[in-house]
PDB file of N, CA and C in Angstrom:
ATOM      1  N   MET A   1      88.473 103.961 106.735  1.00  0.00           N
ATOM      2  CA  MET A   1      88.684 102.582 106.326  1.00  0.00           C
ATOM      3  C   MET A   1      89.758 102.555 105.254  1.00  0.00           C
ATOM      4  N   LEU A   2      90.680 101.616 105.344  1.00  0.00           N
ATOM      5  CA  LEU A   2      91.785 101.573 104.402  1.00  0.00           C
ATOM      6  C   LEU A   2      91.363 101.042 103.039  1.00  0.00           C
ATOM      7  N   LEU A   3      90.551  99.996 103.031  1.00  0.00           N
ATOM      8  CA  LEU A   3      90.068  99.440 101.776  1.00  0.00           C
ATOM      9  C   LEU A   3      88.572  99.708 101.680  1.00  0.00           C
ATOM     10  N   ASN A   4      88.201 100.488 100.712  1.00  0.00           N
ATOM     11  CA  ASN A   4      86.794 100.799 100.525  1.00  0.00           C
ATOM     12  C   ASN A   4      86.273 100.034  99.322  1.00  0.00           C
ATOM     13  N   ARG A   5      85.176  99.341  99.522  1.00  0.00           N
ATOM     14  CA  ARG A   5      84.567  98.604  98.427  1.00  0.00           C
ATOM     15  C   ARG A   5      83.557  99.524  97.763  1.00  0.00           C
ATOM     16  N   GLY A   6      83.774  99.822  96.503  1.00  0.00           N
ATOM     17  CA  GLY A   6      82.876 100.702  95.771  1.00  0.00           C
ATOM     18  C   GLY A   6      81.635  99.962  95.306  1.00  0.00           C
ATOM     19  N   ALA A   7      80.796 100.671  94.564  1.00  0.00           N
ATOM     20  CA  ALA A   7      79.551 100.091  94.064  1.00  0.00           C
ATOM     21  C   ALA A   7      79.824  98.921  93.122  1.00  0.00           C
ATOM     22  N   THR A   8      80.991  98.938  92.470  1.00  0.00           N
ATOM     23  CA  THR A   8      81.328  97.862  91.537  1.00  0.00           C
ATOM     24  C   THR A   8      81.938  96.663  92.248  1.00  0.00           C
ATOM     25  N   GLY A   9      82.210  96.790  93.549  1.00  0.00           N
ATOM     26  CA  GLY A   9      82.818  95.695  94.299  1.00  0.00           C
ATOM     27  C   GLY A   9      84.340  95.734  94.266  1.00  0.00           C
ATOM     28  N   ALA A  10      84.918  96.690  93.531  1.00  0.00           N
ATOM     29  CA  ALA A  10      86.377  96.793  93.439  1.00  0.00           C
ATOM     30  C   ALA A  10      86.926  97.435  94.704  1.00  0.00           C
ATOM     31  N   HIS A  11      88.145  97.099  95.063  1.00  0.00           N
ATOM     32  CA  HIS A  11      88.791  97.675  96.243  1.00  0.00           C
ATOM     33  C   HIS A  11      89.532  98.940  95.860  1.00  0.00           C
ATOM     34  N   ASP A  12      89.443  99.927  96.733  1.00  0.00           N
ATOM     35  CA  ASP A  12      90.147 101.187  96.593  1.00  0.00           C
ATOM     36  C   ASP A  12      91.345 101.111  97.524  1.00  0.00           C
ATOM     37  N   ILE A  13      92.555 100.976  97.021  1.00  0.00           N
ATOM     38  CA  ILE A  13      93.732 100.821  97.859  1.00  0.00           C
ATOM     39  C   ILE A  13      94.428 102.170  97.999  1.00  0.00           C
ATOM     40  N   THR A  14      94.681 102.571  99.241  1.00  0.00           N
ATOM     41  CA  THR A  14      95.358 103.834  99.502  1.00  0.00           C
ATOM     42  C   THR A  14      96.854 103.638  99.333  1.00  0.00           C
ATOM     43  N   MET A  15      97.452 104.413  98.435  1.00  0.00           N
ATOM     44  CA  MET A  15      98.887 104.350  98.184  1.00  0.00           C
ATOM     45  C   MET A  15      99.524 105.625  98.714  1.00  0.00           C
ATOM     46  N   LEU A  16     100.696 105.472  99.332  1.00  0.00           N
ATOM     47  CA  LEU A  16     101.418 106.595  99.918  1.00  0.00           C
ATOM     48  C   LEU A  16     102.738 106.804  99.198  1.00  0.00           C
ATOM     49  N   THR A  17     103.154 108.047  99.090  1.00  0.00           N
ATOM     50  CA  THR A  17     104.476 108.365  98.555  1.00  0.00           C
ATOM     51  C   THR A  17     105.504 108.112  99.656  1.00  0.00           C
ATOM     52  N   PRO A  18     106.790 108.048  99.308  1.00  0.00           N
ATOM     53  CA  PRO A  18     107.811 107.916 100.349  1.00  0.00           C
ATOM     54  C   PRO A  18     107.752 109.064 101.369  1.00  0.00           C
ATOM     55  N   GLN A  19     107.451 110.277 100.913  1.00  0.00           N
ATOM     56  CA  GLN A  19     107.364 111.416 101.822  1.00  0.00           C
ATOM     57  C   GLN A  19     106.208 111.234 102.809  1.00  0.00           C
ATOM     58  N   GLU A  20     105.058 110.796 102.311  1.00  0.00           N
ATOM     59  CA  GLU A  20     103.899 110.580 103.179  1.00  0.00           C
ATOM     60  C   GLU A  20     104.151 109.443 104.171  1.00  0.00           C
ATOM     61  N   THR A  21     104.807 108.394 103.682  1.00  0.00           N
ATOM     62  CA  THR A  21     105.103 107.246 104.535  1.00  0.00           C
ATOM     63  C   THR A  21     106.095 107.630 105.626  1.00  0.00           C
ATOM     64  N   ALA A  22     107.149 108.360 105.243  1.00  0.00           N
ATOM     65  CA  ALA A  22     108.146 108.803 106.222  1.00  0.00           C
ATOM     66  C   ALA A  22     107.491 109.692 107.285  1.00  0.00           C
ATOM     67  N   LYS A  23     106.616 110.584 106.871  1.00  0.00           N
ATOM     68  CA  LYS A  23     105.933 111.467 107.816  1.00  0.00           C
ATOM     69  C   LYS A  23     105.059 110.648 108.766  1.00  0.00           C
ATOM     70  N   ALA A  24     104.335 109.664 108.233  1.00  0.00           N
ATOM     71  CA  ALA A  24     103.454 108.834 109.059  1.00  0.00           C
ATOM     72  C   ALA A  24     104.252 108.012 110.067  1.00  0.00           C
ATOM     73  N   LEU A  25     105.435 107.525 109.649  1.00  0.00           N
ATOM     74  CA  LEU A  25     106.282 106.707 110.533  1.00  0.00           C
ATOM     75  C   LEU A  25     107.184 107.550 111.423  1.00  0.00           C
ATOM     76  N   LYS A  26     107.206 108.864 111.166  1.00  0.00           N
ATOM     77  CA  LYS A  26     108.063 109.796 111.911  1.00  0.00           C
ATOM     78  C   LYS A  26     109.542 109.427 111.770  1.00  0.00           C
ATOM     79  N   VAL A  27     109.933 109.133 110.527  1.00  0.00           N
ATOM     80  CA  VAL A  27     111.329 108.885 110.167  1.00  0.00           C
ATOM     81  C   VAL A  27     111.646 109.762 108.960  1.00  0.00           C
ATOM     82  N   SER A  28     112.913 109.871 108.630  1.00  0.00           N
ATOM     83  CA  SER A  28     113.282 110.678 107.467  1.00  0.00           C
ATOM     84  C   SER A  28     113.069 109.882 106.179  1.00  0.00           C
ATOM     85  N   VAL A  29     112.933 110.607 105.086  1.00  0.00           N
ATOM     86  CA  VAL A  29     112.805 109.967 103.775  1.00  0.00           C
ATOM     87  C   VAL A  29     114.090 109.184 103.485  1.00  0.00           C
ATOM     88  N   SER A  30     115.220 109.719 103.939  1.00  0.00           N
ATOM     89  CA  SER A  30     116.508 109.044 103.766  1.00  0.00           C
ATOM     90  C   SER A  30     116.522 107.694 104.492  1.00  0.00           C
ATOM     91  N   TRP A  31     116.013 107.654 105.726  1.00  0.00           N
ATOM     92  CA  TRP A  31     115.962 106.388 106.474  1.00  0.00           C
ATOM     93  C   TRP A  31     115.105 105.384 105.728  1.00  0.00           C
ATOM     94  N   LEU A  32     113.980 105.858 105.202  1.00  0.00           N
ATOM     95  CA  LEU A  32     113.069 104.978 104.471  1.00  0.00           C
ATOM     96  C   LEU A  32     113.753 104.407 103.227  1.00  0.00           C
ATOM     97  N   ALA A  33     114.509 105.244 102.512  1.00  0.00           N
ATOM     98  CA  ALA A  33     115.230 104.790 101.315  1.00  0.00           C
ATOM     99  C   ALA A  33     116.296 103.761 101.684  1.00  0.00           C
ATOM    100  N   LYS A  34     117.016 104.014 102.769  1.00  0.00           N
ATOM    101  CA  LYS A  34     118.055 103.068 103.202  1.00  0.00           C
ATOM    102  C   LYS A  34     117.435 101.758 103.654  1.00  0.00           C
ATOM    103  N   ALA A  35     116.309 101.822 104.353  1.00  0.00           N
ATOM    104  CA  ALA A  35     115.615 100.612 104.795  1.00  0.00           C
ATOM    105  C   ALA A  35     115.126  99.816 103.580  1.00  0.00           C
ATOM    106  N   ARG A  36     114.699 100.526 102.539  1.00  0.00           N
ATOM    107  CA  ARG A  36     114.273  99.871 101.301  1.00  0.00           C
ATOM    108  C   ARG A  36     115.437  99.110 100.679  1.00  0.00           C
ATOM    109  N   MET A  37     116.615  99.734 100.669  1.00  0.00           N
ATOM    110  CA  MET A  37     117.806  99.099 100.087  1.00  0.00           C
ATOM    111  C   MET A  37     118.275  97.907 100.930  1.00  0.00           C
ATOM    112  N   ARG A  38     118.168  98.034 102.259  1.00  0.00           N
ATOM    113  CA  ARG A  38     118.564  96.930 103.149  1.00  0.00           C
ATOM    114  C   ARG A  38     117.556  95.798 103.132  1.00  0.00           C
ATOM    115  N   GLY A  39     116.316  96.131 102.769  1.00  0.00           N
ATOM    116  CA  GLY A  39     115.265  95.129 102.748  1.00  0.00           C
ATOM    117  C   GLY A  39     114.570  94.938 104.083  1.00  0.00           C
ATOM    118  N   ASP A  40     114.755  95.879 105.022  1.00  0.00           N
ATOM    119  CA  ASP A  40     114.117  95.718 106.325  1.00  0.00           C
ATOM    120  C   ASP A  40     113.063  96.790 106.612  1.00  0.00           C
ATOM    121  N   GLY A  41     112.701  97.550 105.611  1.00  0.00           N
ATOM    122  CA  GLY A  41     111.663  98.557 105.773  1.00  0.00           C
ATOM    123  C   GLY A  41     110.301  98.008 105.377  1.00  0.00           C
ATOM    124  N   PRO A  42     109.310  98.888 105.362  1.00  0.00           N
ATOM    125  CA  PRO A  42     107.981  98.440 104.958  1.00  0.00           C
ATOM    126  C   PRO A  42     107.972  98.015 103.484  1.00  0.00           C
ATOM    127  N   PRO A  43     107.109  97.063 103.121  1.00  0.00           N
ATOM    128  CA  PRO A  43     107.026  96.627 101.719  1.00  0.00           C
ATOM    129  C   PRO A  43     106.647  97.811 100.827  1.00  0.00           C
ATOM    130  N   PHE A  44     107.217  97.824  99.638  1.00  0.00           N
ATOM    131  CA  PHE A  44     106.940  98.922  98.716  1.00  0.00           C
ATOM    132  C   PHE A  44     106.628  98.384  97.328  1.00  0.00           C
ATOM    133  N   ILE A  45     106.093  99.257  96.510  1.00  0.00           N
ATOM    134  CA  ILE A  45     105.751  98.912  95.127  1.00  0.00           C
ATOM    135  C   ILE A  45     106.478  99.891  94.227  1.00  0.00           C
ATOM    136  N   ARG A  46     107.088  99.378  93.185  1.00  0.00           N
ATOM    137  CA  ARG A  46     107.750 100.252  92.218  1.00  0.00           C
ATOM    138  C   ARG A  46     106.852 100.325  90.977  1.00  0.00           C
ATOM    139  N   LEU A  47     106.414 101.535  90.669  1.00  0.00           N
ATOM    140  CA  LEU A  47     105.594 101.782  89.482  1.00  0.00           C
ATOM    141  C   LEU A  47     106.423 102.636  88.535  1.00  0.00           C
ATOM    142  N   GLY A  48     107.098 101.970  87.624  1.00  0.00           N
ATOM    143  CA  GLY A  48     108.049 102.694  86.781  1.00  0.00           C
ATOM    144  C   GLY A  48     109.198 103.154  87.651  1.00  0.00           C
ATOM    145  N   ARG A  49     109.418 104.460  87.722  1.00  0.00           N
ATOM    146  CA  ARG A  49     110.459 105.002  88.595  1.00  0.00           C
ATOM    147  C   ARG A  49     109.914 105.437  89.949  1.00  0.00           C
ATOM    148  N   ALA A  50     108.603 105.409  90.097  1.00  0.00           N
ATOM    149  CA  ALA A  50     107.967 105.878  91.333  1.00  0.00           C
ATOM    150  C   ALA A  50     107.903 104.758  92.374  1.00  0.00           C
ATOM    151  N   ILE A  51     108.128 105.129  93.615  1.00  0.00           N
ATOM    152  CA  ILE A  51     108.011 104.198  94.747  1.00  0.00           C
ATOM    153  C   ILE A  51     106.723 104.554  95.479  1.00  0.00           C
ATOM    154  N   ARG A  52     105.926 103.547  95.794  1.00  0.00           N
ATOM    155  CA  ARG A  52     104.695 103.754  96.549  1.00  0.00           C
ATOM    156  C   ARG A  52     104.588 102.689  97.627  1.00  0.00           C
ATOM    157  N   TYR A  53     103.885 103.040  98.690  1.00  0.00           N
ATOM    158  CA  TYR A  53     103.648 102.139  99.811  1.00  0.00           C
ATOM    159  C   TYR A  53     102.147 101.966  99.985  1.00  0.00           C
ATOM    160  N   SER A  54     101.712 100.726 100.089  1.00  0.00           N
ATOM    161  CA  SER A  54     100.313 100.459 100.399  1.00  0.00           C
ATOM    162  C   SER A  54     100.109 100.772 101.876  1.00  0.00           C
ATOM    163  N   GLN A  55      99.098 101.561 102.190  1.00  0.00           N
ATOM    164  CA  GLN A  55      98.845 101.924 103.585  1.00  0.00           C
ATOM    165  C   GLN A  55      98.585 100.670 104.416  1.00  0.00           C
ATOM    166  N   THR A  56      97.877  99.721 103.855  1.00  0.00           N
ATOM    167  CA  THR A  56      97.589  98.470 104.558  1.00  0.00           C
ATOM    168  C   THR A  56      98.879  97.708 104.860  1.00  0.00           C
ATOM    169  N   ALA A  57      99.788  97.632 103.880  1.00  0.00           N
ATOM    170  CA  ALA A  57     101.054  96.919 104.074  1.00  0.00           C
ATOM    171  C   ALA A  57     101.917  97.611 105.123  1.00  0.00           C
ATOM    172  N   VAL A  58     101.898  98.937 105.145  1.00  0.00           N
ATOM    173  CA  VAL A  58     102.671  99.687 106.135  1.00  0.00           C
ATOM    174  C   VAL A  58     102.130  99.402 107.532  1.00  0.00           C
ATOM    175  N   LEU A  59     100.813  99.384 107.680  1.00  0.00           N
ATOM    176  CA  LEU A  59     100.213  99.090 108.986  1.00  0.00           C
ATOM    177  C   LEU A  59     100.554  97.673 109.449  1.00  0.00           C
ATOM    178  N   ARG A  60     100.546  96.722 108.532  1.00  0.00           N
ATOM    179  CA  ARG A  60     100.931  95.336 108.884  1.00  0.00           C
ATOM    180  C   ARG A  60     102.392  95.281 109.298  1.00  0.00           C
ATOM    181  N   TRP A  61     103.250  96.013 108.573  1.00  0.00           N
ATOM    182  CA  TRP A  61     104.685  96.046 108.888  1.00  0.00           C
ATOM    183  C   TRP A  61     104.899  96.610 110.288  1.00  0.00           C
ATOM    184  N   ILE A  62     104.149  97.653 110.640  1.00  0.00           N
ATOM    185  CA  ILE A  62     104.262  98.244 111.979  1.00  0.00           C
ATOM    186  C   ILE A  62     103.908  97.206 113.029  1.00  0.00           C
ATOM    187  N   GLU A  63     102.845  96.444 112.812  1.00  0.00           N
ATOM    188  CA  GLU A  63     102.427  95.415 113.769  1.00  0.00           C
ATOM    189  C   GLU A  63     103.542  94.396 114.009  1.00  0.00           C
ATOM    190  N   VAL A  64     104.251  94.025 112.957  1.00  0.00           N
ATOM    191  CA  VAL A  64     105.338  93.048 113.071  1.00  0.00           C
ATOM    192  C   VAL A  64     106.523  93.625 113.841  1.00  0.00           C
ATOM    193  N   GLN A  65     106.697  94.950 113.764  1.00  0.00           N
ATOM    194  CA  GLN A  65     107.843  95.594 114.409  1.00  0.00           C
ATOM    195  C   GLN A  65     107.684  95.719 115.922  1.00  0.00           C
ATOM    196  N   ILE A  66     106.466  95.583 116.410  1.00  0.00           N
ATOM    197  CA  ILE A  66     106.219  95.743 117.848  1.00  0.00           C
ATOM    198  C   ILE A  66     106.855  94.584 118.599  1.00  0.00           C
ATOM    199  N   ARG A  67     107.677  94.918 119.588  1.00  0.00           N
ATOM    200  CA  ARG A  67     108.364  93.899 120.392  1.00  0.00           C
ATOM    201  C   ARG A  67     107.973  94.062 121.841  1.00  0.00           C
ATOM    202  N   LYS A  68     107.990  92.966 122.544  1.00  0.00           N
ATOM    203  CA  LYS A  68     107.745  93.024 123.977  1.00  0.00           C
ATOM    204  C   LYS A  68     108.987  93.587 124.652  1.00  0.00           C
ATOM    205  N   VAL A  69     108.805  94.272 125.758  1.00  0.00           N
ATOM    206  CA  VAL A  69     109.922  94.852 126.497  1.00  0.00           C
ATOM    207  C   VAL A  69     110.860  93.738 126.934  1.00  0.00           C
ATOM    208  N   GLY A  70     112.144  93.912 126.657  1.00  0.00           N
ATOM    209  CA  GLY A  70     113.149  92.934 127.063  1.00  0.00           C
ATOM    210  C   GLY A  70     113.299  91.764 126.117  1.00  0.00           C
ATOM    211  N   ALA A  71     112.485  91.699 125.079  1.00  0.00           N
ATOM    212  CA  ALA A  71     112.582  90.581 124.138  1.00  0.00           C
ATOM    213  C   ALA A  71     113.733  90.836 123.172  1.00  0.00           C
ATOM    214  N   ALA A  72     114.576  89.857 123.020  1.00  0.00           N
ATOM    215  CA  ALA A  72     115.693  89.975 122.084  1.00  0.00           C
ATOM    216  C   ALA A  72     115.198  89.649 120.685  1.00  0.00           C
ATOM    217  N   PRO A  73     115.781  90.274 119.651  1.00  0.00           N
ATOM    218  CA  PRO A  73     115.431  89.910 118.290  1.00  0.00           C
ATOM    219  C   PRO A  73     115.672  88.416 118.075  1.00  0.00           C
ATOM    220  N   LYS A  74     114.971  87.826 117.122  1.00  0.00           N
ATOM    221  CA  LYS A  74     115.041  86.382 116.903  1.00  0.00           C
ATOM    222  C   LYS A  74     116.470  85.880 116.720  1.00  0.00           C
ATOM    223  N   SER A  75     117.286  86.591 115.938  1.00  0.00           N
ATOM    224  CA  SER A  75     118.651  86.137 115.695  1.00  0.00           C
ATOM    225  C   SER A  75     119.465  86.129 116.988  1.00  0.00           C
ATOM    226  N   GLN A  76     119.276  87.150 117.826  1.00  0.00           N
ATOM    227  CA  GLN A  76     119.980  87.201 119.110  1.00  0.00           C
ATOM    228  C   GLN A  76     119.480  86.100 120.038  1.00  0.00           C
ATOM    229  N   ALA A  77     118.178  85.887 120.055  1.00  0.00           N
ATOM    230  CA  ALA A  77     117.599  84.854 120.916  1.00  0.00           C
ATOM    231  C   ALA A  77     118.134  83.483 120.527  1.00  0.00           C
ATOM    232  N   THR A  78     118.245  83.213 119.239  1.00  0.00           N
ATOM    233  CA  THR A  78     118.779  81.935 118.767  1.00  0.00           C
ATOM    234  C   THR A  78     120.235  81.784 119.171  1.00  0.00           C
ATOM    235  N   GLU A  79     121.010  82.870 119.034  1.00  0.00           N
ATOM    236  CA  GLU A  79     122.422  82.833 119.399  1.00  0.00           C
ATOM    237  C   GLU A  79     122.584  82.580 120.902  1.00  0.00           C
ATOM    238  N   ILE A  80     121.782  83.236 121.715  1.00  0.00           N
ATOM    239  CA  ILE A  80     121.842  83.048 123.173  1.00  0.00           C
ATOM    240  C   ILE A  80     121.481  81.613 123.531  1.00  0.00           C
ATOM    241  N   ARG A  81     120.431  81.093 122.888  1.00  0.00           N
ATOM    242  CA  ARG A  81     120.009  79.716 123.146  1.00  0.00           C
ATOM    243  C   ARG A  81     121.128  78.727 122.795  1.00  0.00           C
ATOM    244  N   ASN A  82     121.788  78.948 121.674  1.00  0.00           N
ATOM    245  CA  ASN A  82     122.881  78.065 121.257  1.00  0.00           C
ATOM    246  C   ASN A  82     124.059  78.150 122.226  1.00  0.00           C
ATOM    247  N   GLN A  83     124.344  79.368 122.735  1.00  0.00           N
ATOM    248  CA  GLN A  83     125.425  79.533 123.706  1.00  0.00           C
ATOM    249  C   GLN A  83     125.100  78.791 124.998  1.00  0.00           C
ATOM    250  N   ARG A  84     123.864  78.874 125.440  1.00  0.00           N
ATOM    251  CA  ARG A  84     123.450  78.179 126.654  1.00  0.00           C
ATOM    252  C   ARG A  84     123.581  76.671 126.489  1.00  0.00           C
ATOM    253  N   ARG A  85     123.194  76.173 125.322  1.00  0.00           N
ATOM    254  CA  ARG A  85     123.302  74.733 125.085  1.00  0.00           C
ATOM    255  C   ARG A  85     124.755  74.272 125.111  1.00  0.00           C
ATOM    256  N   SER A  86     125.655  75.070 124.524  1.00  0.00           N
ATOM    257  CA  SER A  86     127.061  74.660 124.499  1.00  0.00           C
ATOM    258  C   SER A  86     127.665  74.729 125.896  1.00  0.00           C
ATOM    259  N   ILE A  87     127.223  75.692 126.700  1.00  0.00           N
ATOM    260  CA  ILE A  87     127.730  75.809 128.075  1.00  0.00           C
ATOM    261  C   ILE A  87     127.219  74.648 128.933  1.00  0.00           C
ATOM    262  N   CYS A  88     125.953  74.300 128.744  1.00  0.00           N
ATOM    263  CA  CYS A  88     125.334  73.235 129.542  1.00  0.00           C
ATOM    264  C   CYS A  88     125.693  71.851 129.011  1.00  0.00           C
ATOM    265  N   GLY A  89     126.363  71.781 127.885  1.00  0.00           N
ATOM    266  CA  GLY A  89     126.760  70.497 127.320  1.00  0.00           C
ATOM    267  C   GLY A  89     125.628  69.738 126.642  1.00  0.00           C
ATOM    268  N   GLN A  90     124.641  70.444 126.175  1.00  0.00           N
ATOM    269  CA  GLN A  90     123.514  69.782 125.501  1.00  0.00           C
ATOM    270  C   GLN A  90     123.716  69.766 124.014  1.00  0.00           C
TER     271      GLN A  90
END
């Protein structure tokens, strides 16, 4: 279980290092750092100079990344729709 409720009722949140997160996602630590800078990687937390990833947030991010086969990204889909409208005269 990702969030364990202890006897006090407090939540125990599992935090991952960039190395652990990269290993879990099967990407390089470098890719993870670049994705962090671009803003398109999993959400992260900065604790002083340390970077940490909530396991729950990483799992949610993975769910959002899943695409149906043949589905264009939203920006491409919008662009295609706009092109069709201009061609059809709408």
